[in-house]
């Protein structure tokens, strides 16, 4: 078995790309690698590709790229036509599709507090696995997107959660 393919980036729709860049930069330490650019499906060079990728109803949007501390990208989208709108039920996590972004921070309590102080929603920090210091919390950015915090990297977390047969 191979290691599989690497995650390159995650795309996230936000109502205000400039506010999102500020928030993800100041709170999570992500940095901008491509500043916001407006994209239009009427563009003679890119339009056909954009329409195929975004669907025929999308006409204009702004897009930017950020990068996390371990090199995984975050691609932000602010839809202008049609305009971004929140989901009908932002807590319907059982619906299909992505529902959270997980970051690693050795101080989940501290990051949860910074998220709340910056306009997001903090969450309880859970330490449910006996015999180790693994901790996790579910918070949200100011736009309602769920941010999970893990105290350990994914490989280490997987060891905590694996059940031996």
N, C-alpha and C. Protein backbone atom coordinates (compact mmCIF):
# COMPACT_ATOMS: atom_id res chain seq x y z
N UNK A 1 0.84 -1.19 0.00
CA UNK A 1 0.00 0.00 0.00
C UNK A 1 0.88 1.25 0.00
N UNK A 2 0.52 2.23 -0.78
CA UNK A 2 1.27 3.49 -0.83
C UNK A 2 0.74 4.45 0.22
N UNK A 3 1.45 5.55 0.38
CA UNK A 3 1.01 6.58 1.32
C UNK A 3 -0.21 7.32 0.82
N UNK A 4 -0.56 7.16 -0.45
CA UNK A 4 -1.71 7.87 -1.00
C UNK A 4 -1.31 9.25 -1.49
N UNK A 5 -2.28 9.95 -2.02
CA UNK A 5 -2.01 11.28 -2.53
C UNK A 5 -2.06 12.28 -1.38
N UNK A 6 -1.35 13.37 -1.53
CA UNK A 6 -1.30 14.41 -0.50
C UNK A 6 -2.44 15.40 -0.70
N UNK A 7 -2.95 15.95 0.39
CA UNK A 7 -3.92 17.03 0.28
C UNK A 7 -3.16 18.29 -0.09
N UNK A 8 -3.57 18.91 -1.18
CA UNK A 8 -2.93 20.10 -1.70
C UNK A 8 -3.52 21.35 -1.05
N UNK A 9 -4.85 21.45 -1.07
CA UNK A 9 -5.52 22.60 -0.45
C UNK A 9 -6.98 22.26 -0.24
N UNK A 10 -7.63 23.10 0.55
CA UNK A 10 -9.06 23.01 0.81
C UNK A 10 -9.68 24.32 0.35
N UNK A 11 -10.79 24.24 -0.36
CA UNK A 11 -11.50 25.45 -0.81
C UNK A 11 -12.61 25.79 0.16
N UNK A 12 -12.76 27.06 0.47
CA UNK A 12 -13.73 27.50 1.45
C UNK A 12 -14.44 28.76 0.94
N UNK A 13 -15.76 28.73 0.95
CA UNK A 13 -16.55 29.89 0.56
C UNK A 13 -16.80 30.77 1.78
N UNK A 14 -16.57 32.06 1.63
CA UNK A 14 -16.77 33.02 2.71
C UNK A 14 -17.53 34.23 2.17
N UNK A 15 -18.26 34.95 3.02
CA UNK A 15 -19.01 36.11 2.53
C UNK A 15 -18.16 37.35 2.30
N UNK A 16 -16.96 37.41 2.91
CA UNK A 16 -16.08 38.59 2.79
C UNK A 16 -14.64 38.09 2.78
N UNK A 17 -14.04 38.04 1.61
CA UNK A 17 -12.70 37.45 1.48
C UNK A 17 -11.64 38.26 2.21
N UNK A 18 -11.78 39.58 2.22
CA UNK A 18 -10.78 40.41 2.91
C UNK A 18 -10.83 40.16 4.42
N UNK A 19 -12.02 40.08 4.98
CA UNK A 19 -12.15 39.77 6.41
C UNK A 19 -11.64 38.37 6.71
N UNK A 20 -11.90 37.43 5.81
CA UNK A 20 -11.43 36.05 6.01
C UNK A 20 -9.91 35.98 5.99
N UNK A 21 -9.28 36.67 5.06
CA UNK A 21 -7.82 36.69 4.99
C UNK A 21 -7.25 37.27 6.29
N UNK A 22 -7.82 38.36 6.75
CA UNK A 22 -7.37 38.96 8.01
C UNK A 22 -7.53 37.97 9.16
N UNK A 23 -8.68 37.32 9.24
CA UNK A 23 -8.96 36.41 10.35
C UNK A 23 -8.05 35.18 10.31
N UNK A 24 -7.98 34.51 9.17
CA UNK A 24 -7.14 33.30 9.07
C UNK A 24 -5.66 33.63 9.25
N UNK A 25 -5.25 34.83 8.89
CA UNK A 25 -3.87 35.26 9.10
C UNK A 25 -3.57 35.58 10.55
N UNK A 26 -4.41 36.41 11.16
CA UNK A 26 -4.12 36.86 12.52
C UNK A 26 -4.42 35.80 13.57
N UNK A 27 -5.43 34.97 13.37
CA UNK A 27 -5.81 33.99 14.39
C UNK A 27 -5.09 32.66 14.20
N UNK A 28 -5.01 32.16 12.97
CA UNK A 28 -4.40 30.85 12.73
C UNK A 28 -2.99 30.93 12.16
N UNK A 29 -2.55 32.13 11.82
CA UNK A 29 -1.19 32.29 11.32
C UNK A 29 -0.99 31.88 9.87
N UNK A 30 -2.07 31.68 9.12
CA UNK A 30 -1.94 31.35 7.70
C UNK A 30 -1.42 32.60 6.99
N UNK A 31 -0.68 32.40 5.91
CA UNK A 31 -0.19 33.56 5.17
C UNK A 31 -0.69 33.53 3.74
N UNK A 32 -0.85 34.72 3.18
CA UNK A 32 -1.36 34.87 1.82
C UNK A 32 -0.23 34.52 0.84
N UNK A 33 -0.54 33.67 -0.13
CA UNK A 33 0.41 33.39 -1.21
C UNK A 33 -0.08 33.97 -2.53
N UNK A 34 -1.39 34.16 -2.68
CA UNK A 34 -1.97 34.84 -3.84
C UNK A 34 -3.07 35.75 -3.31
N UNK A 35 -2.92 37.06 -3.42
CA UNK A 35 -3.95 37.98 -2.92
C UNK A 35 -5.24 37.85 -3.72
N UNK A 36 -6.32 38.41 -3.20
CA UNK A 36 -7.61 38.29 -3.89
C UNK A 36 -7.56 38.82 -5.32
N UNK A 37 -8.15 38.03 -6.19
CA UNK A 37 -8.29 38.43 -7.59
C UNK A 37 -9.72 38.15 -8.01
N UNK A 38 -10.30 39.06 -8.80
CA UNK A 38 -11.66 38.83 -9.28
C UNK A 38 -11.60 37.99 -10.55
N UNK A 39 -12.46 37.00 -10.58
CA UNK A 39 -12.55 36.09 -11.72
C UNK A 39 -13.95 36.24 -12.32
N UNK A 40 -14.03 36.13 -13.65
CA UNK A 40 -15.30 36.33 -14.35
C UNK A 40 -15.41 35.28 -15.45
N UNK A 41 -16.54 34.60 -15.51
CA UNK A 41 -16.72 33.56 -16.53
C UNK A 41 -16.85 34.15 -17.94
N UNK A 42 -16.95 35.48 -18.05
CA UNK A 42 -16.96 36.13 -19.37
C UNK A 42 -15.54 36.38 -19.88
N UNK A 43 -14.53 36.11 -19.05
CA UNK A 43 -13.13 36.30 -19.45
C UNK A 43 -12.82 35.45 -20.68
N UNK A 44 -12.28 36.05 -21.76
CA UNK A 44 -12.05 35.29 -22.98
C UNK A 44 -11.03 34.16 -22.83
N UNK A 45 -10.10 34.31 -21.90
CA UNK A 45 -9.07 33.27 -21.74
C UNK A 45 -9.49 32.19 -20.75
N UNK A 46 -10.02 32.58 -19.60
CA UNK A 46 -10.32 31.63 -18.52
C UNK A 46 -11.79 31.28 -18.38
N UNK A 47 -12.67 32.04 -19.02
CA UNK A 47 -14.10 31.92 -18.78
C UNK A 47 -14.67 30.53 -18.92
N UNK A 48 -14.34 29.83 -19.98
CA UNK A 48 -14.90 28.48 -20.20
C UNK A 48 -14.47 27.53 -19.09
N UNK A 49 -13.21 27.60 -18.69
CA UNK A 49 -12.71 26.72 -17.62
C UNK A 49 -13.38 27.07 -16.29
N UNK A 50 -13.52 28.37 -16.01
CA UNK A 50 -14.17 28.79 -14.76
C UNK A 50 -15.61 28.32 -14.71
N UNK A 51 -16.33 28.45 -15.82
CA UNK A 51 -17.72 28.03 -15.85
C UNK A 51 -17.84 26.52 -15.63
N UNK A 52 -16.93 25.76 -16.23
CA UNK A 52 -16.97 24.31 -16.05
C UNK A 52 -16.67 23.94 -14.60
N UNK A 53 -15.69 24.61 -13.98
CA UNK A 53 -15.32 24.30 -12.60
C UNK A 53 -16.39 24.75 -11.60
N UNK A 54 -16.96 25.94 -11.82
CA UNK A 54 -17.87 26.54 -10.83
C UNK A 54 -19.35 26.31 -11.14
N UNK A 55 -19.64 25.83 -12.33
CA UNK A 55 -21.03 25.62 -12.72
C UNK A 55 -21.56 26.82 -13.48
N UNK A 56 -22.60 26.62 -14.28
CA UNK A 56 -23.09 27.68 -15.16
C UNK A 56 -23.75 28.85 -14.45
N UNK A 57 -24.17 28.68 -13.19
CA UNK A 57 -24.81 29.80 -12.48
C UNK A 57 -23.80 30.80 -11.95
N UNK A 58 -22.56 30.38 -11.74
CA UNK A 58 -21.52 31.29 -11.24
C UNK A 58 -21.03 32.17 -12.37
N UNK A 59 -21.05 33.48 -12.13
CA UNK A 59 -20.58 34.44 -13.14
C UNK A 59 -19.31 35.17 -12.69
N UNK A 60 -19.30 35.62 -11.41
CA UNK A 60 -18.14 36.36 -10.90
C UNK A 60 -17.85 35.93 -9.46
N UNK A 61 -16.56 35.90 -9.13
CA UNK A 61 -16.15 35.61 -7.75
C UNK A 61 -14.75 36.16 -7.53
N UNK A 62 -14.41 36.30 -6.25
CA UNK A 62 -13.05 36.67 -5.86
C UNK A 62 -12.42 35.43 -5.25
N UNK A 63 -11.11 35.28 -5.47
CA UNK A 63 -10.41 34.10 -4.99
C UNK A 63 -9.03 34.51 -4.48
N UNK A 64 -8.60 33.86 -3.40
CA UNK A 64 -7.26 34.08 -2.86
C UNK A 64 -6.73 32.75 -2.34
N UNK A 65 -5.42 32.66 -2.22
CA UNK A 65 -4.78 31.46 -1.70
C UNK A 65 -3.97 31.82 -0.46
N UNK A 66 -4.12 30.99 0.57
CA UNK A 66 -3.33 31.12 1.80
C UNK A 66 -2.65 29.78 2.04
N UNK A 67 -1.67 29.77 2.92
CA UNK A 67 -0.97 28.53 3.23
C UNK A 67 -0.84 28.38 4.74
N UNK A 68 -1.04 27.16 5.20
CA UNK A 68 -0.96 26.87 6.64
C UNK A 68 0.49 26.62 7.05
N UNK A 69 0.71 26.46 8.33
CA UNK A 69 2.05 26.23 8.86
C UNK A 69 2.71 24.97 8.34
N UNK A 70 1.94 23.96 7.94
CA UNK A 70 2.54 22.73 7.42
C UNK A 70 2.42 22.63 5.90
N UNK A 71 2.10 23.73 5.24
CA UNK A 71 2.13 23.76 3.79
C UNK A 71 0.85 23.36 3.07
N UNK A 72 -0.23 23.08 3.79
CA UNK A 72 -1.50 22.77 3.13
C UNK A 72 -2.18 24.10 2.82
N UNK A 73 -2.69 24.21 1.60
CA UNK A 73 -3.30 25.45 1.15
C UNK A 73 -4.74 25.61 1.58
N UNK A 74 -5.16 26.86 1.68
CA UNK A 74 -6.55 27.23 1.91
C UNK A 74 -6.91 28.19 0.78
N UNK A 75 -7.85 27.78 -0.07
CA UNK A 75 -8.30 28.61 -1.18
C UNK A 75 -9.64 29.21 -0.78
N UNK A 76 -9.67 30.53 -0.70
CA UNK A 76 -10.87 31.24 -0.28
C UNK A 76 -11.63 31.77 -1.49
N UNK A 77 -12.95 31.66 -1.43
CA UNK A 77 -13.83 32.15 -2.49
C UNK A 77 -14.88 33.08 -1.89
N UNK A 78 -15.06 34.23 -2.52
CA UNK A 78 -16.18 35.11 -2.21
C UNK A 78 -16.99 35.24 -3.50
N UNK A 79 -18.16 34.67 -3.51
CA UNK A 79 -18.99 34.69 -4.72
C UNK A 79 -19.72 36.03 -4.82
N UNK A 80 -19.61 36.65 -6.00
CA UNK A 80 -20.21 37.97 -6.24
C UNK A 80 -21.48 37.88 -7.07
N UNK A 81 -21.53 36.92 -8.01
CA UNK A 81 -22.71 36.74 -8.87
C UNK A 81 -22.82 35.28 -9.23
N UNK A 82 -23.70 34.53 -8.57
CA UNK A 82 -24.57 34.97 -7.48
C UNK A 82 -23.77 35.21 -6.21
N UNK A 83 -24.32 36.05 -5.35
CA UNK A 83 -23.65 36.44 -4.11
C UNK A 83 -23.65 35.29 -3.11
N UNK A 84 -22.57 35.19 -2.33
CA UNK A 84 -22.47 34.16 -1.29
C UNK A 84 -23.64 34.28 -0.33
N UNK A 85 -24.11 33.15 0.14
CA UNK A 85 -25.14 33.17 1.18
C UNK A 85 -24.90 31.99 2.10
N UNK A 86 -25.28 32.13 3.35
CA UNK A 86 -25.05 31.03 4.30
C UNK A 86 -25.96 29.85 3.99
N UNK A 87 -25.56 28.65 4.43
CA UNK A 87 -26.43 27.49 4.22
C UNK A 87 -27.73 27.65 4.99
N UNK A 88 -28.78 26.97 4.53
CA UNK A 88 -30.09 27.06 5.19
C UNK A 88 -30.00 26.62 6.65
N UNK A 89 -29.22 25.58 6.92
CA UNK A 89 -29.04 25.09 8.29
C UNK A 89 -27.55 24.85 8.50
N UNK A 90 -26.82 25.83 9.04
CA UNK A 90 -25.37 25.69 9.18
C UNK A 90 -24.93 24.59 10.14
N UNK A 91 -25.85 24.04 10.90
CA UNK A 91 -25.49 22.96 11.81
C UNK A 91 -25.98 21.60 11.33
N UNK A 92 -26.32 21.47 10.06
CA UNK A 92 -26.76 20.19 9.50
C UNK A 92 -25.53 19.43 9.02
N UNK A 93 -24.67 19.04 9.95
CA UNK A 93 -23.40 18.41 9.61
C UNK A 93 -23.58 17.04 8.96
N UNK A 94 -24.76 16.46 9.10
CA UNK A 94 -25.01 15.15 8.50
C UNK A 94 -25.24 15.24 7.00
N UNK A 95 -25.40 16.45 6.48
CA UNK A 95 -25.56 16.63 5.04
C UNK A 95 -24.24 16.28 4.35
N UNK A 96 -24.31 15.94 3.08
CA UNK A 96 -23.12 15.58 2.32
C UNK A 96 -22.18 16.77 2.16
N UNK A 97 -20.90 16.50 2.05
CA UNK A 97 -19.91 17.53 1.78
C UNK A 97 -19.01 17.78 2.97
N UNK A 98 -18.05 18.65 2.76
CA UNK A 98 -17.12 19.00 3.83
C UNK A 98 -17.85 19.77 4.91
N UNK A 99 -17.45 19.53 6.17
CA UNK A 99 -18.10 20.33 7.21
C UNK A 99 -17.14 20.94 8.20
N UNK A 100 -15.84 20.64 8.12
CA UNK A 100 -14.93 21.35 9.00
C UNK A 100 -13.50 21.32 8.47
N UNK A 101 -12.72 22.25 8.98
CA UNK A 101 -11.29 22.35 8.71
C UNK A 101 -10.62 22.08 10.05
N UNK A 102 -9.63 21.20 10.08
CA UNK A 102 -8.96 20.89 11.33
C UNK A 102 -7.55 21.45 11.31
N UNK A 103 -7.16 22.13 12.40
CA UNK A 103 -5.81 22.65 12.55
C UNK A 103 -5.17 21.99 13.77
N UNK A 104 -3.85 21.98 13.79
CA UNK A 104 -3.11 21.42 14.92
C UNK A 104 -2.50 22.57 15.71
N UNK A 105 -2.74 22.56 17.02
CA UNK A 105 -2.16 23.57 17.91
C UNK A 105 -1.93 22.91 19.26
N UNK A 106 -0.74 23.02 19.83
CA UNK A 106 -0.48 22.36 21.12
C UNK A 106 -1.24 22.98 22.29
N UNK A 107 -1.86 24.13 22.06
CA UNK A 107 -2.63 24.81 23.11
C UNK A 107 -4.06 25.05 22.63
N UNK A 108 -4.89 23.99 22.61
CA UNK A 108 -6.26 24.16 22.12
C UNK A 108 -7.07 25.18 22.91
N UNK A 109 -6.84 25.27 24.22
CA UNK A 109 -7.56 26.25 25.02
C UNK A 109 -7.23 27.67 24.58
N UNK A 110 -5.94 27.92 24.37
CA UNK A 110 -5.50 29.25 23.95
C UNK A 110 -6.04 29.63 22.59
N UNK A 111 -5.97 28.69 21.63
CA UNK A 111 -6.47 28.99 20.29
C UNK A 111 -7.99 29.15 20.30
N UNK A 112 -8.69 28.33 21.07
CA UNK A 112 -10.15 28.46 21.18
C UNK A 112 -10.52 29.84 21.72
N UNK A 113 -9.77 30.31 22.70
CA UNK A 113 -10.02 31.65 23.26
C UNK A 113 -9.75 32.73 22.22
N UNK A 114 -8.64 32.60 21.46
CA UNK A 114 -8.32 33.60 20.43
C UNK A 114 -9.40 33.61 19.35
N UNK A 115 -9.93 32.45 19.01
CA UNK A 115 -11.00 32.39 18.02
C UNK A 115 -12.21 33.16 18.51
N UNK A 116 -12.58 32.96 19.77
CA UNK A 116 -13.74 33.68 20.33
C UNK A 116 -13.47 35.18 20.42
N UNK A 117 -12.28 35.56 20.84
CA UNK A 117 -11.93 36.98 20.99
C UNK A 117 -11.93 37.70 19.64
N UNK A 118 -11.77 36.96 18.55
CA UNK A 118 -11.67 37.57 17.23
C UNK A 118 -12.98 37.50 16.45
N UNK A 119 -14.08 37.18 17.12
CA UNK A 119 -15.37 37.17 16.47
C UNK A 119 -15.89 35.80 16.09
N UNK A 120 -15.10 34.78 16.34
CA UNK A 120 -15.55 33.42 16.06
C UNK A 120 -16.28 32.85 17.27
N UNK A 121 -16.51 31.55 17.24
CA UNK A 121 -17.18 30.86 18.34
C UNK A 121 -16.21 29.84 18.93
N UNK A 122 -16.00 29.91 20.23
CA UNK A 122 -15.12 28.95 20.89
C UNK A 122 -15.89 27.68 21.18
N UNK A 123 -15.16 26.65 21.54
CA UNK A 123 -15.78 25.38 21.90
C UNK A 123 -15.08 24.80 23.11
N UNK A 124 -15.76 23.89 23.77
CA UNK A 124 -15.15 23.20 24.90
C UNK A 124 -13.96 22.39 24.41
N UNK A 125 -12.93 22.32 25.22
CA UNK A 125 -11.78 21.48 24.90
C UNK A 125 -11.98 20.15 25.62
N UNK A 126 -11.97 19.08 24.83
CA UNK A 126 -12.24 17.75 25.35
C UNK A 126 -10.95 16.96 25.46
N UNK A 127 -10.76 16.37 26.61
CA UNK A 127 -9.61 15.49 26.88
C UNK A 127 -10.20 14.16 27.33
N UNK A 128 -10.62 13.36 26.38
CA UNK A 128 -11.41 12.16 26.65
C UNK A 128 -10.64 10.85 26.59
N UNK A 129 -9.36 10.87 26.21
CA UNK A 129 -8.63 9.63 26.04
C UNK A 129 -7.69 9.45 27.24
N UNK A 130 -8.00 8.48 28.11
CA UNK A 130 -7.19 8.27 29.32
C UNK A 130 -5.74 7.93 28.97
N UNK A 131 -4.83 8.44 29.77
CA UNK A 131 -3.42 8.08 29.63
C UNK A 131 -2.61 8.93 28.68
N UNK A 132 -3.19 9.96 28.09
CA UNK A 132 -2.39 10.86 27.25
C UNK A 132 -2.98 12.26 27.28
N UNK A 133 -2.26 13.18 26.68
CA UNK A 133 -2.68 14.59 26.74
C UNK A 133 -3.38 15.07 25.47
N UNK A 134 -3.88 14.14 24.66
CA UNK A 134 -4.62 14.53 23.45
C UNK A 134 -5.84 15.36 23.83
N UNK A 135 -6.05 16.46 23.08
CA UNK A 135 -7.22 17.32 23.31
C UNK A 135 -7.76 17.78 21.98
N UNK A 136 -9.06 18.03 21.94
CA UNK A 136 -9.72 18.51 20.73
C UNK A 136 -10.85 19.46 21.08
N UNK A 137 -11.14 20.37 20.16
CA UNK A 137 -12.25 21.31 20.33
C UNK A 137 -12.84 21.61 18.96
N UNK A 138 -14.14 21.89 18.94
CA UNK A 138 -14.81 22.35 17.74
C UNK A 138 -15.23 23.79 17.97
N UNK A 139 -14.73 24.68 17.11
CA UNK A 139 -15.03 26.11 17.18
C UNK A 139 -15.62 26.51 15.83
N UNK A 140 -15.71 27.81 15.57
CA UNK A 140 -16.13 28.29 14.25
C UNK A 140 -15.48 29.63 13.98
N UNK A 141 -15.18 29.88 12.70
CA UNK A 141 -14.66 31.19 12.32
C UNK A 141 -15.82 32.19 12.34
N UNK A 142 -15.57 33.48 12.16
CA UNK A 142 -16.65 34.47 12.21
C UNK A 142 -17.70 34.30 11.12
N UNK A 143 -17.43 33.44 10.13
CA UNK A 143 -18.34 33.26 9.00
C UNK A 143 -19.19 32.00 9.17
N UNK A 144 -19.01 31.29 10.28
CA UNK A 144 -19.80 30.10 10.57
C UNK A 144 -19.15 28.79 10.16
N UNK A 145 -17.97 28.82 9.56
CA UNK A 145 -17.28 27.60 9.16
C UNK A 145 -16.66 26.93 10.38
N UNK A 146 -16.86 25.63 10.52
CA UNK A 146 -16.38 24.90 11.69
C UNK A 146 -14.87 24.71 11.59
N UNK A 147 -14.18 25.03 12.69
CA UNK A 147 -12.74 24.85 12.83
C UNK A 147 -12.52 23.88 13.98
N UNK A 148 -11.97 22.71 13.68
CA UNK A 148 -11.60 21.76 14.73
C UNK A 148 -10.16 22.05 15.13
N UNK A 149 -9.86 21.92 16.40
CA UNK A 149 -8.50 22.06 16.89
C UNK A 149 -8.08 20.72 17.48
N UNK A 150 -6.96 20.18 17.03
CA UNK A 150 -6.36 18.99 17.63
C UNK A 150 -5.04 19.39 18.25
N UNK A 151 -4.74 18.84 19.41
CA UNK A 151 -3.49 19.15 20.09
C UNK A 151 -2.29 18.47 19.46
N UNK A 152 -2.52 17.43 18.68
CA UNK A 152 -1.44 16.66 18.08
C UNK A 152 -1.67 16.54 16.58
N UNK A 153 -0.60 16.27 15.84
CA UNK A 153 -0.70 16.05 14.40
C UNK A 153 -1.54 14.83 14.08
N UNK A 154 -1.96 14.72 12.84
CA UNK A 154 -2.91 13.67 12.44
C UNK A 154 -2.35 12.26 12.65
N UNK A 155 -1.11 12.03 12.29
CA UNK A 155 -0.53 10.69 12.48
C UNK A 155 -0.54 10.31 13.95
N UNK A 156 -0.17 11.22 14.82
CA UNK A 156 -0.16 10.95 16.25
C UNK A 156 -1.58 10.78 16.79
N UNK A 157 -2.50 11.60 16.31
CA UNK A 157 -3.90 11.50 16.72
C UNK A 157 -4.47 10.15 16.33
N UNK A 158 -4.13 9.70 15.14
CA UNK A 158 -4.63 8.41 14.65
C UNK A 158 -4.21 7.29 15.60
N UNK A 159 -3.00 7.36 16.15
CA UNK A 159 -2.53 6.34 17.10
C UNK A 159 -3.40 6.33 18.35
N UNK A 160 -3.82 7.52 18.82
CA UNK A 160 -4.66 7.61 20.01
C UNK A 160 -6.03 6.98 19.76
N UNK A 161 -6.52 7.12 18.54
CA UNK A 161 -7.89 6.73 18.24
C UNK A 161 -8.05 5.35 17.63
N UNK A 162 -6.95 4.70 17.28
CA UNK A 162 -7.00 3.39 16.65
C UNK A 162 -7.35 2.33 17.69
N UNK A 163 -8.30 1.49 17.33
CA UNK A 163 -8.72 0.40 18.19
C UNK A 163 -8.04 -0.87 17.70
N UNK A 164 -7.27 -1.51 18.56
CA UNK A 164 -6.60 -2.77 18.18
C UNK A 164 -7.58 -3.92 18.29
N UNK A 165 -7.54 -4.81 17.31
CA UNK A 165 -8.41 -5.99 17.33
C UNK A 165 -7.76 -7.13 18.09
